[in-house]
Structures are given as structure tokens and as C-alpha cells.
Amino acid sequence: MKEVENDYLLQKYSVIIIDEAHERSVFSDVLISLLSRIVLKRSSSQKPLKLIIMSATLRIEDFTLNKKLFPVSPAVIKVDSRQFEVKVSIFKVPCFCFFFFLHKKAKVFLFHKNSLFHIS
């Protein structure tokens, strides 16, 4: 946003990457809106701006179907990946030391001051 104050068309840049776009805020929404307009203005120039929006959990339709944001639907590249199961463990009684519980599940390394301790 600060760069746009000095150079509205961001001529110094050829590619801008926005990562974690699913973590939306007013700031990020305004930024993406502003960048989409700059992409449109620079599309007919000799140095077009490419905007890459990345996210693991973003609803793609928020961008591809929004004609005010992108009059021409942008290209979408989907990379399939694995999701790992998350196991939640709940203590029935308060545990005085979480690491004593963990050592039953996996080997745990404890860092204390400058020493390395191994619980087996």
C-alpha cells in the first residue's frame, strides 16, 4: 500500500504474490482490490503486472466469479495435496506435566537452558 502512494501503477514490479489470502481482513481486501485495478490498467502496457494470489483454503469463487474485482476470470492453478489427520487428546484429570503424557505417544526431546534431554 505504501508503494502505491509513490507509484500508482507499481512500475518497479512485474509480479506481486499475495500468500495466505484466506486470512482476510479489510486491509487485504482493499489491497487485492487495488492490485486488481492496477493489473487491468497495466494489461495493455508493454510491462503488464502479474498478480498471484495463493491460499490453501480460499474459496476460489470469491475471486473468479467477482466481475467487479476481475472483469476477465483469472486462471486458476490447483495443486492437490495431502491433509494429515489431527488427533485430539483430552486429559480426564489435570496433568502436572504435559511431557510425561507425550512420551507415551512419541519420543520427545526437551530443551532446557543449553542442555538436551531425551525422554524415552
C-alpha atoms as a PDB file:
ATOM      1  CA  MET A   1       0.000   0.000   0.000  1.00  0.00           C
ATOM      2  CA  LYS A   2       2.885   2.311   0.810  1.00  0.00           C
ATOM      3  CA  GLU A   3       4.421   1.670  -2.609  1.00  0.00           C
ATOM      4  CA  VAL A   4       1.195   2.721  -4.338  1.00  0.00           C
ATOM      5  CA  GLU A   5       1.448   6.171  -2.723  1.00  0.00           C
ATOM      6  CA  ASN A   6       4.648   6.853  -4.680  1.00  0.00           C
ATOM      7  CA  ASP A   7       3.902   4.929  -7.864  1.00  0.00           C
ATOM      8  CA  TYR A   8       0.233   4.187  -8.522  1.00  0.00           C
ATOM      9  CA  LEU A   9       0.926   1.642 -11.280  1.00  0.00           C
ATOM     10  CA  LEU A  10       3.786  -0.056  -9.413  1.00  0.00           C
ATOM     11  CA  GLN A  11       6.075   0.165 -12.435  1.00  0.00           C
ATOM     12  CA  LYS A  12       9.041  -1.281 -10.495  1.00  0.00           C
ATOM     13  CA  TYR A  13       7.248  -4.621 -10.173  1.00  0.00           C
ATOM     14  CA  SER A  14       6.376  -7.242 -12.750  1.00  0.00           C
ATOM     15  CA  VAL A  15       4.901  -9.831 -10.340  1.00  0.00           C
ATOM     16  CA  ILE A  16       3.212  -9.445  -6.954  1.00  0.00           C
ATOM     17  CA  ILE A  17       2.464 -12.506  -4.815  1.00  0.00           C
ATOM     18  CA  ILE A  18      -0.134 -12.491  -2.049  1.00  0.00           C
ATOM     19  CA  ASP A  19       0.107 -15.561   0.147  1.00  0.00           C
ATOM     20  CA  GLU A  20      -2.362 -16.763   2.798  1.00  0.00           C
ATOM     21  CA  ALA A  21      -5.166 -14.848   1.081  1.00  0.00           C
ATOM     22  CA  HIS A  22      -7.749 -16.797   3.098  1.00  0.00           C
ATOM     23  CA  GLU A  23      -6.710 -14.789   6.167  1.00  0.00           C
ATOM     24  CA  ARG A  24      -8.912 -11.954   5.051  1.00  0.00           C
ATOM     25  CA  SER A  25      -9.079  -8.528   6.614  1.00  0.00           C
ATOM     26  CA  VAL A  26     -10.182  -5.106   5.444  1.00  0.00           C
ATOM     27  CA  PHE A  27      -6.540  -4.322   4.639  1.00  0.00           C
ATOM     28  CA  SER A  28      -6.036  -7.426   2.489  1.00  0.00           C
ATOM     29  CA  ASP A  29      -9.374  -6.964   0.703  1.00  0.00           C
ATOM     30  CA  VAL A  30      -8.542  -3.340  -0.138  1.00  0.00           C
ATOM     31  CA  LEU A  31      -5.061  -4.373  -1.280  1.00  0.00           C
ATOM     32  CA  ILE A  32      -6.379  -7.104  -3.595  1.00  0.00           C
ATOM     33  CA  SER A  33      -8.995  -4.729  -4.981  1.00  0.00           C
ATOM     34  CA  LEU A  34      -6.381  -2.070  -5.628  1.00  0.00           C
ATOM     35  CA  LEU A  35      -3.992  -4.545  -7.235  1.00  0.00           C
ATOM     36  CA  SER A  36      -6.735  -5.954  -9.470  1.00  0.00           C
ATOM     37  CA  ARG A  37      -7.320  -2.440 -10.841  1.00  0.00           C
ATOM     38  CA  ILE A  38      -3.595  -1.927 -11.395  1.00  0.00           C
ATOM     39  CA  VAL A  39      -3.398  -5.270 -13.240  1.00  0.00           C
ATOM     40  CA  LEU A  40      -6.237  -4.111 -15.515  1.00  0.00           C
ATOM     41  CA  LYS A  41      -4.616  -0.719 -16.201  1.00  0.00           C
ATOM     42  CA  ARG A  42      -1.227  -2.271 -16.964  1.00  0.00           C
ATOM     43  CA  SER A  43      -2.594  -5.123 -19.093  1.00  0.00           C
ATOM     44  CA  SER A  44      -2.302  -3.105 -22.286  1.00  0.00           C
ATOM     45  CA  SER A  45       1.176  -1.761 -21.493  1.00  0.00           C
ATOM     46  CA  GLN A  46       4.479  -3.300 -22.529  1.00  0.00           C
ATOM     47  CA  LYS A  47       5.152  -4.310 -18.917  1.00  0.00           C
ATOM     48  CA  PRO A  48       1.944  -5.957 -17.612  1.00  0.00           C
ATOM     49  CA  LEU A  49       1.656  -6.721 -13.900  1.00  0.00           C
ATOM     50  CA  LYS A  50       1.026 -10.317 -12.883  1.00  0.00           C
ATOM     51  CA  LEU A  51      -0.836 -10.903  -9.629  1.00  0.00           C
ATOM     52  CA  ILE A  52      -0.520 -14.295  -7.926  1.00  0.00           C
ATOM     53  CA  ILE A  53      -2.934 -14.996  -5.079  1.00  0.00           C
ATOM     54  CA  MET A  54      -2.145 -18.107  -3.053  1.00  0.00           C
ATOM     55  CA  SER A  55      -4.045 -19.901  -0.337  1.00  0.00           C
ATOM     56  CA  ALA A  56      -4.550 -23.426   0.905  1.00  0.00           C
ATOM     57  CA  THR A  57      -8.196 -22.951   1.912  1.00  0.00           C
ATOM     58  CA  LEU A  58      -9.508 -19.999  -0.091  1.00  0.00           C
ATOM     59  CA  ARG A  59     -12.928 -20.121  -1.738  1.00  0.00           C
ATOM     60  CA  ILE A  60     -11.872 -19.668  -5.352  1.00  0.00           C
ATOM     61  CA  GLU A  61     -15.306 -18.402  -6.392  1.00  0.00           C
ATOM     62  CA  ASP A  62     -14.772 -15.220  -4.334  1.00  0.00           C
ATOM     63  CA  PHE A  63     -12.258 -14.180  -6.963  1.00  0.00           C
ATOM     64  CA  THR A  64     -13.170 -15.964 -10.190  1.00  0.00           C
ATOM     65  CA  LEU A  65     -16.858 -15.030 -10.162  1.00  0.00           C
ATOM     66  CA  ASN A  66     -16.419 -11.453  -8.931  1.00  0.00           C
ATOM     67  CA  LYS A  67     -16.612  -9.395 -12.155  1.00  0.00           C
ATOM     68  CA  LYS A  68     -16.009  -6.125 -10.293  1.00  0.00           C
ATOM     69  CA  LEU A  69     -12.721  -7.458  -8.964  1.00  0.00           C
ATOM     70  CA  PHE A  70     -11.599  -9.267 -12.125  1.00  0.00           C
ATOM     71  CA  PRO A  71     -13.658  -8.478 -15.268  1.00  0.00           C
ATOM     72  CA  VAL A  72     -11.959 -11.412 -17.000  1.00  0.00           C
ATOM     73  CA  SER A  73     -11.853 -14.509 -14.807  1.00  0.00           C
ATOM     74  CA  PRO A  74      -8.261 -15.212 -13.764  1.00  0.00           C
ATOM     75  CA  ALA A  75      -6.524 -18.507 -14.403  1.00  0.00           C
ATOM     76  CA  VAL A  76      -6.691 -20.953 -11.516  1.00  0.00           C
ATOM     77  CA  ILE A  77      -3.998 -23.499 -10.763  1.00  0.00           C
ATOM     78  CA  LYS A  78      -4.996 -26.128  -8.232  1.00  0.00           C
ATOM     79  CA  VAL A  79      -2.320 -28.234  -6.595  1.00  0.00           C
ATOM     80  CA  ASP A  80      -3.633 -31.318  -4.850  1.00  0.00           C
ATOM     81  CA  SER A  81      -2.012 -32.128  -1.550  1.00  0.00           C
ATOM     82  CA  ARG A  82      -2.417 -34.399   1.413  1.00  0.00           C
ATOM     83  CA  GLN A  83      -4.152 -33.495   4.610  1.00  0.00           C
ATOM     84  CA  PHE A  84      -2.995 -35.163   7.767  1.00  0.00           C
ATOM     85  CA  GLU A  85      -5.319 -36.424  10.458  1.00  0.00           C
ATOM     86  CA  VAL A  86      -5.283 -34.393  13.653  1.00  0.00           C
ATOM     87  CA  LYS A  87      -5.781 -36.361  16.839  1.00  0.00           C
ATOM     88  CA  VAL A  88      -7.140 -34.516  19.869  1.00  0.00           C
ATOM     89  CA  SER A  89      -6.285 -35.905  23.302  1.00  0.00           C
ATOM     90  CA  ILE A  90      -8.216 -34.750  26.344  1.00  0.00           C
ATOM     91  CA  PHE A  91      -6.958 -35.336  29.864  1.00  0.00           C
ATOM     92  CA  LYS A  92      -9.549 -36.749  32.249  1.00  0.00           C
ATOM     93  CA  VAL A  93      -7.616 -35.362  35.198  1.00  0.00           C
ATOM     94  CA  PRO A  94      -5.269 -32.389  35.304  1.00  0.00           C
ATOM     95  CA  CYS A  95      -1.792 -33.360  34.194  1.00  0.00           C
ATOM     96  CA  PHE A  96       1.105 -31.961  36.211  1.00  0.00           C
ATOM     97  CA  CYS A  97       3.463 -32.256  33.256  1.00  0.00           C
ATOM     98  CA  PHE A  98       2.382 -32.445  29.648  1.00  0.00           C
ATOM     99  CA  PHE A  99       5.672 -34.025  28.569  1.00  0.00           C
ATOM    100  CA  PHE A 100       5.045 -37.154  30.693  1.00  0.00           C
ATOM    101  CA  PHE A 101       1.896 -37.700  28.662  1.00  0.00           C
ATOM    102  CA  LEU A 102       3.659 -37.133  25.358  1.00  0.00           C
ATOM    103  CA  HIS A 103       6.472 -39.577  25.966  1.00  0.00           C
ATOM    104  CA  LYS A 104       3.961 -42.426  25.711  1.00  0.00           C
ATOM    105  CA  LYS A 105       2.898 -41.239  22.265  1.00  0.00           C
ATOM    106  CA  ALA A 106       6.283 -40.433  20.720  1.00  0.00           C
ATOM    107  CA  LYS A 107       9.875 -39.725  21.600  1.00  0.00           C
ATOM    108  CA  VAL A 108      10.151 -36.222  22.969  1.00  0.00           C
ATOM    109  CA  PHE A 109      13.193 -34.013  23.145  1.00  0.00           C
ATOM    110  CA  LEU A 110      13.231 -31.341  25.833  1.00  0.00           C
ATOM    111  CA  PHE A 111      15.355 -28.247  25.572  1.00  0.00           C
ATOM    112  CA  HIS A 112      16.230 -26.790  28.946  1.00  0.00           C
ATOM    113  CA  LYS A 113      18.766 -23.984  29.113  1.00  0.00           C
ATOM    114  CA  ASN A 114      21.668 -25.249  26.997  1.00  0.00           C
ATOM    115  CA  SER A 115      21.155 -28.956  27.603  1.00  0.00           C
ATOM    116  CA  LEU A 116      19.273 -31.519  25.567  1.00  0.00           C
ATOM    117  CA  PHE A 117      17.255 -34.148  27.467  1.00  0.00           C
ATOM    118  CA  HIS A 118      15.642 -37.195  25.948  1.00  0.00           C
ATOM    119  CA  ILE A 119      12.618 -38.883  27.477  1.00  0.00           C
ATOM    120  CA  SER A 120      12.250 -42.490  26.395  1.00  0.00           C
END
